[in-house]
């Protein structure tokens, strides 16, 4: 099979680029002496997570309990779940995972701590819980170093739990702010509890600046394995570092400058990240995907020297690779232009 034989829309993943991204990134963290924990929500594929572990990663990060279940079933033995769990059902599922693998959870409020303590009451090994800190991203997290210390003490006192450390997902390019917050929180906790085992930060946009946060004991990143148009725009990668593309067919040319592609919002993310258009069309760099409907992409080629023909297949680097992984049941693995095989996205749809 060649790329031209693949029915569209389809998500293509070049394993040669994936492997280069994995090894380059792991080598950088090895040189820093910093543990690296890849976030698997980008790819959701155990095969790729094993490549990350074999390269030297210390474990994996998941975002939802259903993702963690998929990877625990595949015998991954060190999982950090970076999301508040509240419902008794989800906490019971987390307890089942913790009985077979090393699982750590996070909390940023007393309600979550109480729910986890109730759900893990009577366990032989207390559950490690990290305090999530808002170091500037404005998402989840305690709002000050003192609040982080107070919650750490509450975790340490809760039955069935133990304090596991600190965790943050920072806003990009705020490394000094992150370092200040986390180091202050760590020092307060050391005075109260005597230990702060793990300090976990991360995000692909700041990956190349990880060395500016010496308080970290581990770094998390996900998108780096594929990269995408938003990271090209940030200067974090090159076009040649992008392993994931969406293959689409030109199904209509209503006007000289406009083409309709068969990859709409169900194949390409609607995330813009401040960019113009919904993806980068390879071989037509002047083209702009100006709009998406469910099954159609509206592409403007007025600034291109040539125009695609009806039936032509185009490869698109999406603005954001992570949502694209969750839109398809399988990706097609390539090596360069050679098709290897379709591969299931095992944790596709695991958003509960």
C-alpha atoms as a PDB file:
ATOM      1  CA  UNK A   1       0.000   0.000   0.000  1.00  0.00           C
ATOM      2  CA  UNK A   2       1.148   3.531  -0.770  1.00  0.00           C
ATOM      3  CA  UNK A   3      -0.109   6.801   0.721  1.00  0.00           C
ATOM      4  CA  UNK A   4      -2.153   7.295  -2.455  1.00  0.00           C
ATOM      5  CA  UNK A   5      -4.049   4.082  -1.648  1.00  0.00           C
ATOM      6  CA  UNK A   6      -5.217   5.273   1.780  1.00  0.00           C
ATOM      7  CA  UNK A   7      -8.870   6.259   2.054  1.00  0.00           C
ATOM      8  CA  UNK A   8      -9.361   9.761   3.384  1.00  0.00           C
ATOM      9  CA  UNK A   9      -9.603  11.496   5.721  1.00  0.00           C
ATOM     10  CA  UNK A  10      -6.913   9.620   7.607  1.00  0.00           C
ATOM     11  CA  UNK A  11      -4.357  10.422  10.280  1.00  0.00           C
ATOM     12  CA  UNK A  12      -0.792   9.536   9.315  1.00  0.00           C
ATOM     13  CA  UNK A  13       2.084   9.150  11.802  1.00  0.00           C
ATOM     14  CA  UNK A  14       5.675   8.959  10.585  1.00  0.00           C
ATOM     15  CA  UNK A  15       7.492   6.639  13.008  1.00  0.00           C
ATOM     16  CA  UNK A  16      10.914   7.823  11.870  1.00  0.00           C
ATOM     17  CA  UNK A  17      10.054  11.352  13.006  1.00  0.00           C
ATOM     18  CA  UNK A  18       8.392  10.044  16.186  1.00  0.00           C
ATOM     19  CA  UNK A  19      11.506   8.100  17.162  1.00  0.00           C
ATOM     20  CA  UNK A  20      13.748  11.086  16.484  1.00  0.00           C
ATOM     21  CA  UNK A  21      11.516  13.305  18.652  1.00  0.00           C
ATOM     22  CA  UNK A  22      11.497  10.748  21.483  1.00  0.00           C
ATOM     23  CA  UNK A  23      15.252  10.233  21.544  1.00  0.00           C
ATOM     24  CA  UNK A  24      16.183  13.902  21.112  1.00  0.00           C
ATOM     25  CA  UNK A  25      13.898  14.929  23.957  1.00  0.00           C
ATOM     26  CA  UNK A  26      14.937  12.114  26.298  1.00  0.00           C
ATOM     27  CA  UNK A  27      18.597  12.866  25.639  1.00  0.00           C
ATOM     28  CA  UNK A  28      18.005  16.483  26.652  1.00  0.00           C
ATOM     29  CA  UNK A  29      16.470  15.479  29.989  1.00  0.00           C
ATOM     30  CA  UNK A  30      19.184  12.907  30.600  1.00  0.00           C
ATOM     31  CA  UNK A  31      21.763  15.654  30.167  1.00  0.00           C
ATOM     32  CA  UNK A  32      19.865  17.812  32.670  1.00  0.00           C
ATOM     33  CA  UNK A  33      19.634  14.927  35.128  1.00  0.00           C
ATOM     34  CA  UNK A  34      15.878  15.492  35.230  1.00  0.00           C
ATOM     35  CA  UNK A  35      13.293  12.731  35.197  1.00  0.00           C
ATOM     36  CA  UNK A  36      10.999  12.792  32.174  1.00  0.00           C
ATOM     37  CA  UNK A  37       7.380  11.624  32.298  1.00  0.00           C
ATOM     38  CA  UNK A  38       5.672  11.802  28.874  1.00  0.00           C
ATOM     39  CA  UNK A  39       1.990  12.649  28.764  1.00  0.00           C
ATOM     40  CA  UNK A  40       0.227   9.978  26.709  1.00  0.00           C
ATOM     41  CA  UNK A  41      -2.957  11.983  26.041  1.00  0.00           C
ATOM     42  CA  UNK A  42      -1.267  13.218  22.862  1.00  0.00           C
ATOM     43  CA  UNK A  43      -1.072   9.806  21.187  1.00  0.00           C
ATOM     44  CA  UNK A  44      -3.145   7.436  23.409  1.00  0.00           C
ATOM     45  CA  UNK A  45      -1.227   4.451  21.993  1.00  0.00           C
ATOM     46  CA  UNK A  46       0.586   1.953  24.290  1.00  0.00           C
ATOM     47  CA  UNK A  47       3.020   1.016  21.507  1.00  0.00           C
ATOM     48  CA  UNK A  48       4.335   4.585  21.421  1.00  0.00           C
ATOM     49  CA  UNK A  49       4.403   4.894  25.208  1.00  0.00           C
ATOM     50  CA  UNK A  50       6.622   1.816  25.326  1.00  0.00           C
ATOM     51  CA  UNK A  51       9.033   3.526  22.955  1.00  0.00           C
ATOM     52  CA  UNK A  52       9.114   6.464  25.364  1.00  0.00           C
ATOM     53  CA  UNK A  53       9.776   4.221  28.374  1.00  0.00           C
ATOM     54  CA  UNK A  54      12.453   2.238  26.539  1.00  0.00           C
ATOM     55  CA  UNK A  55      14.192   5.510  25.685  1.00  0.00           C
ATOM     56  CA  UNK A  56      14.461   6.324  29.392  1.00  0.00           C
ATOM     57  CA  UNK A  57      11.203   7.885  30.601  1.00  0.00           C
ATOM     58  CA  UNK A  58      10.509   7.283  34.315  1.00  0.00           C
ATOM     59  CA  UNK A  59       6.771   6.664  33.847  1.00  0.00           C
ATOM     60  CA  UNK A  60       3.760   8.147  32.089  1.00  0.00           C
ATOM     61  CA  UNK A  61       1.168  10.821  32.778  1.00  0.00           C
ATOM     62  CA  UNK A  62      -2.520  10.383  31.989  1.00  0.00           C
ATOM     63  CA  UNK A  63      -5.306  12.940  32.075  1.00  0.00           C
ATOM     64  CA  UNK A  64      -8.411  10.837  32.753  1.00  0.00           C
ATOM     65  CA  UNK A  65      -9.092   7.680  34.739  1.00  0.00           C
ATOM     66  CA  UNK A  66     -10.258   5.848  31.605  1.00  0.00           C
ATOM     67  CA  UNK A  67      -6.887   6.569  29.941  1.00  0.00           C
ATOM     68  CA  UNK A  68      -5.075   5.284  33.011  1.00  0.00           C
ATOM     69  CA  UNK A  69      -7.131   2.080  32.908  1.00  0.00           C
ATOM     70  CA  UNK A  70      -6.079   1.402  29.317  1.00  0.00           C
ATOM     71  CA  UNK A  71      -2.390   1.821  30.122  1.00  0.00           C
ATOM     72  CA  UNK A  72      -2.539  -0.051  33.439  1.00  0.00           C
ATOM     73  CA  UNK A  73      -4.069  -2.976  31.539  1.00  0.00           C
ATOM     74  CA  UNK A  74      -1.007  -2.827  29.272  1.00  0.00           C
ATOM     75  CA  UNK A  75       1.252  -3.211  32.349  1.00  0.00           C
ATOM     76  CA  UNK A  76       2.603   0.318  32.617  1.00  0.00           C
ATOM     77  CA  UNK A  77       3.805   0.438  36.204  1.00  0.00           C
ATOM     78  CA  UNK A  78       4.214   4.147  37.058  1.00  0.00           C
ATOM     79  CA  UNK A  79       1.248   6.370  36.244  1.00  0.00           C
ATOM     80  CA  UNK A  80       0.546   9.947  37.335  1.00  0.00           C
ATOM     81  CA  UNK A  81      -3.075  10.948  36.793  1.00  0.00           C
ATOM     82  CA  UNK A  82      -3.124  14.742  36.484  1.00  0.00           C
ATOM     83  CA  UNK A  83      -6.790  15.392  37.240  1.00  0.00           C
ATOM     84  CA  UNK A  84      -8.957  15.909  40.320  1.00  0.00           C
ATOM     85  CA  UNK A  85     -11.092  12.837  41.044  1.00  0.00           C
ATOM     86  CA  UNK A  86     -14.297  13.349  43.015  1.00  0.00           C
ATOM     87  CA  UNK A  87     -16.888  10.673  42.226  1.00  0.00           C
ATOM     88  CA  UNK A  88     -16.853   7.437  44.269  1.00  0.00           C
ATOM     89  CA  UNK A  89     -16.968   5.424  41.033  1.00  0.00           C
ATOM     90  CA  UNK A  90     -13.855   7.026  39.564  1.00  0.00           C
ATOM     91  CA  UNK A  91     -12.022   6.769  42.856  1.00  0.00           C
ATOM     92  CA  UNK A  92     -12.929   3.072  43.120  1.00  0.00           C
ATOM     93  CA  UNK A  93     -11.521   2.592  39.629  1.00  0.00           C
ATOM     94  CA  UNK A  94      -8.344   4.420  40.696  1.00  0.00           C
ATOM     95  CA  UNK A  95      -8.048   2.112  43.703  1.00  0.00           C
ATOM     96  CA  UNK A  96      -8.294  -0.907  41.400  1.00  0.00           C
ATOM     97  CA  UNK A  97      -5.448   0.501  39.294  1.00  0.00           C
ATOM     98  CA  UNK A  98      -3.364   1.237  42.402  1.00  0.00           C
ATOM     99  CA  UNK A  99      -3.671  -2.399  43.463  1.00  0.00           C
ATOM    100  CA  UNK A 100      -1.691  -3.506  40.405  1.00  0.00           C
ATOM    101  CA  UNK A 101       0.574  -0.568  39.550  1.00  0.00           C
ATOM    102  CA  UNK A 102       2.171   2.514  41.082  1.00  0.00           C
ATOM    103  CA  UNK A 103      -0.449   5.257  40.764  1.00  0.00           C
ATOM    104  CA  UNK A 104      -0.240   8.864  41.890  1.00  0.00           C
ATOM    105  CA  UNK A 105      -3.094  11.357  41.864  1.00  0.00           C
ATOM    106  CA  UNK A 106      -3.396  15.119  42.334  1.00  0.00           C
ATOM    107  CA  UNK A 107      -5.644  17.399  44.386  1.00  0.00           C
ATOM    108  CA  UNK A 108      -6.079  21.139  44.722  1.00  0.00           C
ATOM    109  CA  UNK A 109      -8.844  21.279  47.359  1.00  0.00           C
ATOM    110  CA  UNK A 110      -9.972  19.640  50.571  1.00  0.00           C
ATOM    111  CA  UNK A 111     -13.070  18.130  48.962  1.00  0.00           C
ATOM    112  CA  UNK A 112     -10.930  16.021  46.639  1.00  0.00           C
ATOM    113  CA  UNK A 113      -8.634  15.041  49.510  1.00  0.00           C
ATOM    114  CA  UNK A 114     -11.628  13.922  51.583  1.00  0.00           C
ATOM    115  CA  UNK A 115     -13.085  11.932  48.681  1.00  0.00           C
ATOM    116  CA  UNK A 116      -9.764  10.211  47.984  1.00  0.00           C
ATOM    117  CA  UNK A 117      -9.251   9.446  51.672  1.00  0.00           C
ATOM    118  CA  UNK A 118     -12.687   7.831  51.887  1.00  0.00           C
ATOM    119  CA  UNK A 119     -12.090   5.823  48.716  1.00  0.00           C
ATOM    120  CA  UNK A 120      -8.646   4.593  49.811  1.00  0.00           C
ATOM    121  CA  UNK A 121      -9.509   3.881  53.421  1.00  0.00           C
ATOM    122  CA  UNK A 122      -7.960   0.615  54.604  1.00  0.00           C
ATOM    123  CA  UNK A 123      -5.412   0.178  51.799  1.00  0.00           C
ATOM    124  CA  UNK A 124      -2.115  -1.525  52.578  1.00  0.00           C
ATOM    125  CA  UNK A 125      -0.100   1.147  50.777  1.00  0.00           C
ATOM    126  CA  UNK A 126      -1.278   4.767  51.045  1.00  0.00           C
ATOM    127  CA  UNK A 127      -1.994   6.553  47.785  1.00  0.00           C
ATOM    128  CA  UNK A 128       0.498   9.255  46.773  1.00  0.00           C
ATOM    129  CA  UNK A 129      -1.308  12.550  46.185  1.00  0.00           C
ATOM    130  CA  UNK A 130       0.447  15.609  44.740  1.00  0.00           C
ATOM    131  CA  UNK A 131      -0.776  19.138  45.361  1.00  0.00           C
ATOM    132  CA  UNK A 132      -1.641  20.805  42.065  1.00  0.00           C
ATOM    133  CA  UNK A 133      -0.438  24.416  41.948  1.00  0.00           C
ATOM    134  CA  UNK A 134      -1.629  27.249  39.731  1.00  0.00           C
ATOM    135  CA  UNK A 135       1.649  28.925  38.829  1.00  0.00           C
ATOM    136  CA  UNK A 136       0.038  31.276  36.315  1.00  0.00           C
ATOM    137  CA  UNK A 137      -1.940  29.239  33.803  1.00  0.00           C
ATOM    138  CA  UNK A 138      -5.246  30.037  35.495  1.00  0.00           C
ATOM    139  CA  UNK A 139      -6.574  26.501  35.387  1.00  0.00           C
ATOM    140  CA  UNK A 140      -6.703  24.107  38.370  1.00  0.00           C
ATOM    141  CA  UNK A 141      -4.361  24.549  41.309  1.00  0.00           C
ATOM    142  CA  UNK A 142      -3.926  26.177  44.705  1.00  0.00           C
ATOM    143  CA  UNK A 143      -3.237  29.870  44.468  1.00  0.00           C
ATOM    144  CA  UNK A 144      -0.225  30.384  46.730  1.00  0.00           C
ATOM    145  CA  UNK A 145       2.775  28.550  48.160  1.00  0.00           C
ATOM    146  CA  UNK A 146       1.216  28.717  51.630  1.00  0.00           C
ATOM    147  CA  UNK A 147      -2.004  27.156  50.321  1.00  0.00           C
ATOM    148  CA  UNK A 148       0.108  24.393  48.778  1.00  0.00           C
ATOM    149  CA  UNK A 149       1.741  23.752  52.131  1.00  0.00           C
ATOM    150  CA  UNK A 150      -1.583  23.734  53.979  1.00  0.00           C
ATOM    151  CA  UNK A 151      -3.067  21.211  51.557  1.00  0.00           C
ATOM    152  CA  UNK A 152       0.075  19.065  51.722  1.00  0.00           C
ATOM    153  CA  UNK A 153      -0.345  18.839  55.498  1.00  0.00           C
ATOM    154  CA  UNK A 154      -4.004  17.860  55.070  1.00  0.00           C
ATOM    155  CA  UNK A 155      -3.018  15.089  52.648  1.00  0.00           C
ATOM    156  CA  UNK A 156      -0.340  13.818  55.025  1.00  0.00           C
ATOM    157  CA  UNK A 157      -2.921  13.597  57.831  1.00  0.00           C
ATOM    158  CA  UNK A 158      -5.624  11.923  55.722  1.00  0.00           C
ATOM    159  CA  UNK A 159      -6.208   8.202  56.144  1.00  0.00           C
ATOM    160  CA  UNK A 160      -5.232   6.118  53.124  1.00  0.00           C
ATOM    161  CA  UNK A 161      -3.141   8.898  51.592  1.00  0.00           C
ATOM    162  CA  UNK A 162       0.405  10.167  51.683  1.00  0.00           C
ATOM    163  CA  UNK A 163       1.792  13.457  50.460  1.00  0.00           C
ATOM    164  CA  UNK A 164       3.546  12.836  47.134  1.00  0.00           C
ATOM    165  CA  UNK A 165       4.792  16.279  46.169  1.00  0.00           C
ATOM    166  CA  UNK A 166       3.821  19.212  43.972  1.00  0.00           C
ATOM    167  CA  UNK A 167       2.541  19.365  40.403  1.00  0.00           C
ATOM    168  CA  UNK A 168       1.848  22.207  37.975  1.00  0.00           C
ATOM    169  CA  UNK A 169       0.926  22.814  34.371  1.00  0.00           C
ATOM    170  CA  UNK A 170       2.472  26.249  33.782  1.00  0.00           C
ATOM    171  CA  UNK A 171       1.803  28.968  31.299  1.00  0.00           C
ATOM    172  CA  UNK A 172       4.529  28.946  28.639  1.00  0.00           C
ATOM    173  CA  UNK A 173       7.552  31.220  29.057  1.00  0.00           C
ATOM    174  CA  UNK A 174       6.986  31.795  32.792  1.00  0.00           C
ATOM    175  CA  UNK A 175       9.818  29.640  34.110  1.00  0.00           C
ATOM    176  CA  UNK A 176      11.025  32.194  36.680  1.00  0.00           C
ATOM    177  CA  UNK A 177       7.503  32.535  38.070  1.00  0.00           C
ATOM    178  CA  UNK A 178       7.094  28.754  38.241  1.00  0.00           C
ATOM    179  CA  UNK A 179      10.435  28.297  39.964  1.00  0.00           C
ATOM    180  CA  UNK A 180       9.612  30.984  42.520  1.00  0.00           C
ATOM    181  CA  UNK A 181       6.199  29.518  43.395  1.00  0.00           C
ATOM    182  CA  UNK A 182       7.289  25.894  43.604  1.00  0.00           C
ATOM    183  CA  UNK A 183      10.522  26.503  45.462  1.00  0.00           C
ATOM    184  CA  UNK A 184       8.697  28.597  48.072  1.00  0.00           C
ATOM    185  CA  UNK A 185       6.042  25.907  48.440  1.00  0.00           C
ATOM    186  CA  UNK A 186       8.713  23.216  48.724  1.00  0.00           C
ATOM    187  CA  UNK A 187      10.582  25.085  51.463  1.00  0.00           C
ATOM    188  CA  UNK A 188       7.403  25.630  53.482  1.00  0.00           C
ATOM    189  CA  UNK A 189       6.511  21.945  53.147  1.00  0.00           C
ATOM    190  CA  UNK A 190       9.993  20.813  54.141  1.00  0.00           C
ATOM    191  CA  UNK A 191       9.615  22.768  57.396  1.00  0.00           C
ATOM    192  CA  UNK A 192       6.215  21.205  58.090  1.00  0.00           C
ATOM    193  CA  UNK A 193       6.624  17.659  56.815  1.00  0.00           C
ATOM    194  CA  UNK A 194      10.335  17.150  56.264  1.00  0.00           C
ATOM    195  CA  UNK A 195       9.976  15.905  52.685  1.00  0.00           C
ATOM    196  CA  UNK A 196       8.600  16.933  49.314  1.00  0.00           C
ATOM    197  CA  UNK A 197       9.327  13.839  47.207  1.00  0.00           C
ATOM    198  CA  UNK A 198       8.268  14.937  43.714  1.00  0.00           C
ATOM    199  CA  UNK A 199       8.000  18.310  42.018  1.00  0.00           C
ATOM    200  CA  UNK A 200       6.425  17.792  38.608  1.00  0.00           C
ATOM    201  CA  UNK A 201       6.108  20.486  35.971  1.00  0.00           C
ATOM    202  CA  UNK A 202       5.825  20.490  32.258  1.00  0.00           C
ATOM    203  CA  UNK A 203       4.378  21.250  28.896  1.00  0.00           C
ATOM    204  CA  UNK A 204       5.842  20.969  25.415  1.00  0.00           C
ATOM    205  CA  UNK A 205       5.865  24.758  24.752  1.00  0.00           C
ATOM    206  CA  UNK A 206       8.382  25.235  27.611  1.00  0.00           C
ATOM    207  CA  UNK A 207      10.244  21.976  27.094  1.00  0.00           C
ATOM    208  CA  UNK A 208      13.456  23.607  25.881  1.00  0.00           C
ATOM    209  CA  UNK A 209      13.509  25.814  28.990  1.00  0.00           C
ATOM    210  CA  UNK A 210      13.169  23.042  31.570  1.00  0.00           C
ATOM    211  CA  UNK A 211      16.650  23.779  32.910  1.00  0.00           C
ATOM    212  CA  UNK A 212      15.436  27.156  34.141  1.00  0.00           C
ATOM    213  CA  UNK A 213      13.373  25.419  36.843  1.00  0.00           C
ATOM    214  CA  UNK A 214      15.969  23.622  38.982  1.00  0.00           C
ATOM    215  CA  UNK A 215      13.432  22.805  41.707  1.00  0.00           C
ATOM    216  CA  UNK A 216      11.724  20.284  39.412  1.00  0.00           C
ATOM    217  CA  UNK A 217      12.386  16.586  39.933  1.00  0.00           C
ATOM    218  CA  UNK A 218      10.452  15.535  36.821  1.00  0.00           C
ATOM    219  CA  UNK A 219       9.115  17.108  33.651  1.00  0.00           C
ATOM    220  CA  UNK A 220       5.965  16.198  31.724  1.00  0.00           C
ATOM    221  CA  UNK A 221       5.302  16.816  28.037  1.00  0.00           C
ATOM    222  CA  UNK A 222       3.031  15.230  25.472  1.00  0.00           C
ATOM    223  CA  UNK A 223       2.791  17.041  22.145  1.00  0.00           C
ATOM    224  CA  UNK A 224       6.553  16.852  21.528  1.00  0.00           C
ATOM    225  CA  UNK A 225       6.190  13.274  20.227  1.00  0.00           C
ATOM    226  CA  UNK A 226       4.164  14.506  17.224  1.00  0.00           C
ATOM    227  CA  UNK A 227       4.597  18.308  17.253  1.00  0.00           C
ATOM    228  CA  UNK A 228       2.167  20.522  15.331  1.00  0.00           C
ATOM    229  CA  UNK A 229       1.627  23.859  13.621  1.00  0.00           C
ATOM    230  CA  UNK A 230       1.251  25.777  16.883  1.00  0.00           C
ATOM    231  CA  UNK A 231       4.699  24.612  17.982  1.00  0.00           C
ATOM    232  CA  UNK A 232       6.215  25.557  14.629  1.00  0.00           C
ATOM    233  CA  UNK A 233       4.778  29.042  15.144  1.00  0.00           C
ATOM    234  CA  UNK A 234       6.332  29.226  18.631  1.00  0.00           C
ATOM    235  CA  UNK A 235       9.738  28.227  17.259  1.00  0.00           C
ATOM    236  CA  UNK A 236       9.659  25.043  19.359  1.00  0.00           C
ATOM    237  CA  UNK A 237      10.074  22.723  16.356  1.00  0.00           C
ATOM    238  CA  UNK A 238      10.538  22.642  12.611  1.00  0.00           C
ATOM    239  CA  UNK A 239       8.068  21.474   9.991  1.00  0.00           C
ATOM    240  CA  UNK A 240      10.275  18.406   9.544  1.00  0.00           C
ATOM    241  CA  UNK A 241       9.752  17.535  13.242  1.00  0.00           C
ATOM    242  CA  UNK A 242       5.992  17.119  12.770  1.00  0.00           C
ATOM    243  CA  UNK A 243       5.186  13.405  12.756  1.00  0.00           C
ATOM    244  CA  UNK A 244       1.398  13.626  12.522  1.00  0.00           C
ATOM    245  CA  UNK A 245      -0.457  14.799   9.417  1.00  0.00           C
ATOM    246  CA  UNK A 246      -4.045  14.527   8.275  1.00  0.00           C
ATOM    247  CA  UNK A 247      -4.415  13.107   4.788  1.00  0.00           C
ATOM    248  CA  UNK A 248      -7.309  14.681   2.889  1.00  0.00           C
ATOM    249  CA  UNK A 249      -8.672  14.623  -0.655  1.00  0.00           C
ATOM    250  CA  UNK A 250      -9.765  17.599  -2.748  1.00  0.00           C
ATOM    251  CA  UNK A 251     -13.392  16.736  -3.496  1.00  0.00           C
ATOM    252  CA  UNK A 252     -14.486  20.008  -5.135  1.00  0.00           C
ATOM    253  CA  UNK A 253     -13.102  23.127  -6.784  1.00  0.00           C
ATOM    254  CA  UNK A 254     -16.116  25.491  -6.794  1.00  0.00           C
ATOM    255  CA  UNK A 255     -13.947  28.436  -7.897  1.00  0.00           C
ATOM    256  CA  UNK A 256     -10.460  28.965  -9.272  1.00  0.00           C
ATOM    257  CA  UNK A 257      -9.043  29.810  -5.842  1.00  0.00           C
ATOM    258  CA  UNK A 258     -11.243  27.740  -3.521  1.00  0.00           C
ATOM    259  CA  UNK A 259     -11.043  24.007  -2.889  1.00  0.00           C
ATOM    260  CA  UNK A 260     -13.101  21.802  -0.604  1.00  0.00           C
ATOM    261  CA  UNK A 261     -11.325  18.996   1.248  1.00  0.00           C
ATOM    262  CA  UNK A 262     -12.913  15.969   2.886  1.00  0.00           C
ATOM    263  CA  UNK A 263     -11.343  16.634   6.317  1.00  0.00           C
ATOM    264  CA  UNK A 264     -13.619  18.897   8.356  1.00  0.00           C
ATOM    265  CA  UNK A 265     -14.012  19.526  12.069  1.00  0.00           C
ATOM    266  CA  UNK A 266     -14.355  15.777  12.656  1.00  0.00           C
ATOM    267  CA  UNK A 267     -10.809  15.286  11.363  1.00  0.00           C
ATOM    268  CA  UNK A 268      -9.029  18.587  12.070  1.00  0.00           C
ATOM    269  CA  UNK A 269      -9.101  20.425  15.370  1.00  0.00           C
ATOM    270  CA  UNK A 270     -10.909  23.750  15.618  1.00  0.00           C
ATOM    271  CA  UNK A 271      -8.158  25.033  17.955  1.00  0.00           C
ATOM    272  CA  UNK A 272      -6.534  28.169  16.561  1.00  0.00           C
ATOM    273  CA  UNK A 273      -3.994  29.233  19.234  1.00  0.00           C
ATOM    274  CA  UNK A 274      -3.927  32.673  17.646  1.00  0.00           C
ATOM    275  CA  UNK A 275      -3.070  31.279  14.225  1.00  0.00           C
ATOM    276  CA  UNK A 276      -4.834  32.098  10.977  1.00  0.00           C
ATOM    277  CA  UNK A 277      -6.488  29.039   9.462  1.00  0.00           C
ATOM    278  CA  UNK A 278      -6.953  25.463  10.613  1.00  0.00           C
ATOM    279  CA  UNK A 279      -3.761  23.777   9.498  1.00  0.00           C
ATOM    280  CA  UNK A 280      -0.673  23.912   7.300  1.00  0.00           C
ATOM    281  CA  UNK A 281      -1.119  22.228   3.900  1.00  0.00           C
ATOM    282  CA  UNK A 282       2.193  20.695   2.891  1.00  0.00           C
ATOM    283  CA  UNK A 283       3.374  21.566  -0.640  1.00  0.00           C
ATOM    284  CA  UNK A 284       0.976  24.540  -0.659  1.00  0.00           C
ATOM    285  CA  UNK A 285       2.453  26.792   2.047  1.00  0.00           C
ATOM    286  CA  UNK A 286       0.531  29.830   0.834  1.00  0.00           C
ATOM    287  CA  UNK A 287      -2.835  28.104   1.193  1.00  0.00           C
ATOM    288  CA  UNK A 288      -5.172  28.823   4.087  1.00  0.00           C
ATOM    289  CA  UNK A 289      -7.864  26.558   5.521  1.00  0.00           C
ATOM    290  CA  UNK A 290     -10.281  29.382   6.170  1.00  0.00           C
ATOM    291  CA  UNK A 291     -13.216  27.432   7.635  1.00  0.00           C
ATOM    292  CA  UNK A 292     -14.322  24.001   8.793  1.00  0.00           C
ATOM    293  CA  UNK A 293     -17.728  22.405   8.676  1.00  0.00           C
ATOM    294  CA  UNK A 294     -18.237  18.901   9.979  1.00  0.00           C
ATOM    295  CA  UNK A 295     -17.099  17.022   6.877  1.00  0.00           C
ATOM    296  CA  UNK A 296     -15.533  19.807   4.784  1.00  0.00           C
ATOM    297  CA  UNK A 297     -12.492  22.054   4.946  1.00  0.00           C
ATOM    298  CA  UNK A 298     -12.715  25.279   2.961  1.00  0.00           C
ATOM    299  CA  UNK A 299      -9.266  26.088   1.574  1.00  0.00           C
ATOM    300  CA  UNK A 300      -8.157  29.288  -0.145  1.00  0.00           C
ATOM    301  CA  UNK A 301      -5.301  28.913  -2.651  1.00  0.00           C
ATOM    302  CA  UNK A 302      -5.235  32.462  -4.013  1.00  0.00           C
ATOM    303  CA  UNK A 303      -1.704  33.064  -2.726  1.00  0.00           C
ATOM    304  CA  UNK A 304      -0.311  29.845  -4.224  1.00  0.00           C
ATOM    305  CA  UNK A 305       1.561  29.603  -7.504  1.00  0.00           C
ATOM    306  CA  UNK A 306      -0.414  26.470  -8.417  1.00  0.00           C
ATOM    307  CA  UNK A 307      -3.791  24.970  -7.495  1.00  0.00           C
ATOM    308  CA  UNK A 308      -4.601  21.378  -6.511  1.00  0.00           C
ATOM    309  CA  UNK A 309      -6.715  19.245  -8.796  1.00  0.00           C
ATOM    310  CA  UNK A 310      -9.905  17.444  -7.876  1.00  0.00           C
ATOM    311  CA  UNK A 311      -8.913  14.062  -6.458  1.00  0.00           C
ATOM    312  CA  UNK A 312      -5.486  15.263  -5.303  1.00  0.00           C
ATOM    313  CA  UNK A 313      -4.489  14.134  -1.824  1.00  0.00           C
ATOM    314  CA  UNK A 314      -3.079  16.727   0.538  1.00  0.00           C
ATOM    315  CA  UNK A 315      -1.263  16.304   3.853  1.00  0.00           C
ATOM    316  CA  UNK A 316      -2.094  18.807   6.582  1.00  0.00           C
ATOM    317  CA  UNK A 317      -0.186  19.577   9.784  1.00  0.00           C
ATOM    318  CA  UNK A 318      -2.969  20.409  12.269  1.00  0.00           C
ATOM    319  CA  UNK A 319      -2.765  23.401  14.561  1.00  0.00           C
ATOM    320  CA  UNK A 320      -2.921  21.071  17.582  1.00  0.00           C
ATOM    321  CA  UNK A 321      -2.082  17.380  17.324  1.00  0.00           C
ATOM    322  CA  UNK A 322      -3.598  16.172  20.621  1.00  0.00           C
ATOM    323  CA  UNK A 323      -7.323  16.563  19.778  1.00  0.00           C
ATOM    324  CA  UNK A 324      -6.782  14.912  16.387  1.00  0.00           C
ATOM    325  CA  UNK A 325      -5.684  11.688  18.104  1.00  0.00           C
ATOM    326  CA  UNK A 326      -9.042  11.487  19.841  1.00  0.00           C
ATOM    327  CA  UNK A 327     -11.003  11.882  16.587  1.00  0.00           C
ATOM    328  CA  UNK A 328     -10.003   8.583  14.971  1.00  0.00           C
ATOM    329  CA  UNK A 329     -10.079   4.906  15.900  1.00  0.00           C
ATOM    330  CA  UNK A 330      -6.767   4.272  14.166  1.00  0.00           C
ATOM    331  CA  UNK A 331      -3.758   6.032  12.734  1.00  0.00           C
ATOM    332  CA  UNK A 332      -1.644   4.840   9.834  1.00  0.00           C
ATOM    333  CA  UNK A 333       2.015   4.346  10.715  1.00  0.00           C
ATOM    334  CA  UNK A 334       4.510   5.355   8.036  1.00  0.00           C
ATOM    335  CA  UNK A 335       8.239   5.417   7.610  1.00  0.00           C
ATOM    336  CA  UNK A 336       8.815   8.334   5.319  1.00  0.00           C
ATOM    337  CA  UNK A 337       6.623   7.663   2.296  1.00  0.00           C
ATOM    338  CA  UNK A 338       6.355   3.931   3.042  1.00  0.00           C
ATOM    339  CA  UNK A 339       3.135   2.733   4.684  1.00  0.00           C
ATOM    340  CA  UNK A 340       3.722   0.261   7.518  1.00  0.00           C
ATOM    341  CA  UNK A 341       0.268  -0.515   8.947  1.00  0.00           C
ATOM    342  CA  UNK A 342      -2.866   0.934  10.550  1.00  0.00           C
ATOM    343  CA  UNK A 343      -2.614   1.014  14.339  1.00  0.00           C
ATOM    344  CA  UNK A 344      -5.461   1.342  16.883  1.00  0.00           C
ATOM    345  CA  UNK A 345      -5.683   4.412  19.129  1.00  0.00           C
ATOM    346  CA  UNK A 346      -6.308   2.319  22.229  1.00  0.00           C
ATOM    347  CA  UNK A 347      -7.423   5.161  24.514  1.00  0.00           C
ATOM    348  CA  UNK A 348      -9.460   7.001  21.871  1.00  0.00           C
ATOM    349  CA  UNK A 349     -12.631   8.386  23.450  1.00  0.00           C
ATOM    350  CA  UNK A 350     -11.299   7.927  26.998  1.00  0.00           C
ATOM    351  CA  UNK A 351     -12.428  11.298  28.320  1.00  0.00           C
ATOM    352  CA  UNK A 352     -14.342  10.151  31.430  1.00  0.00           C
END
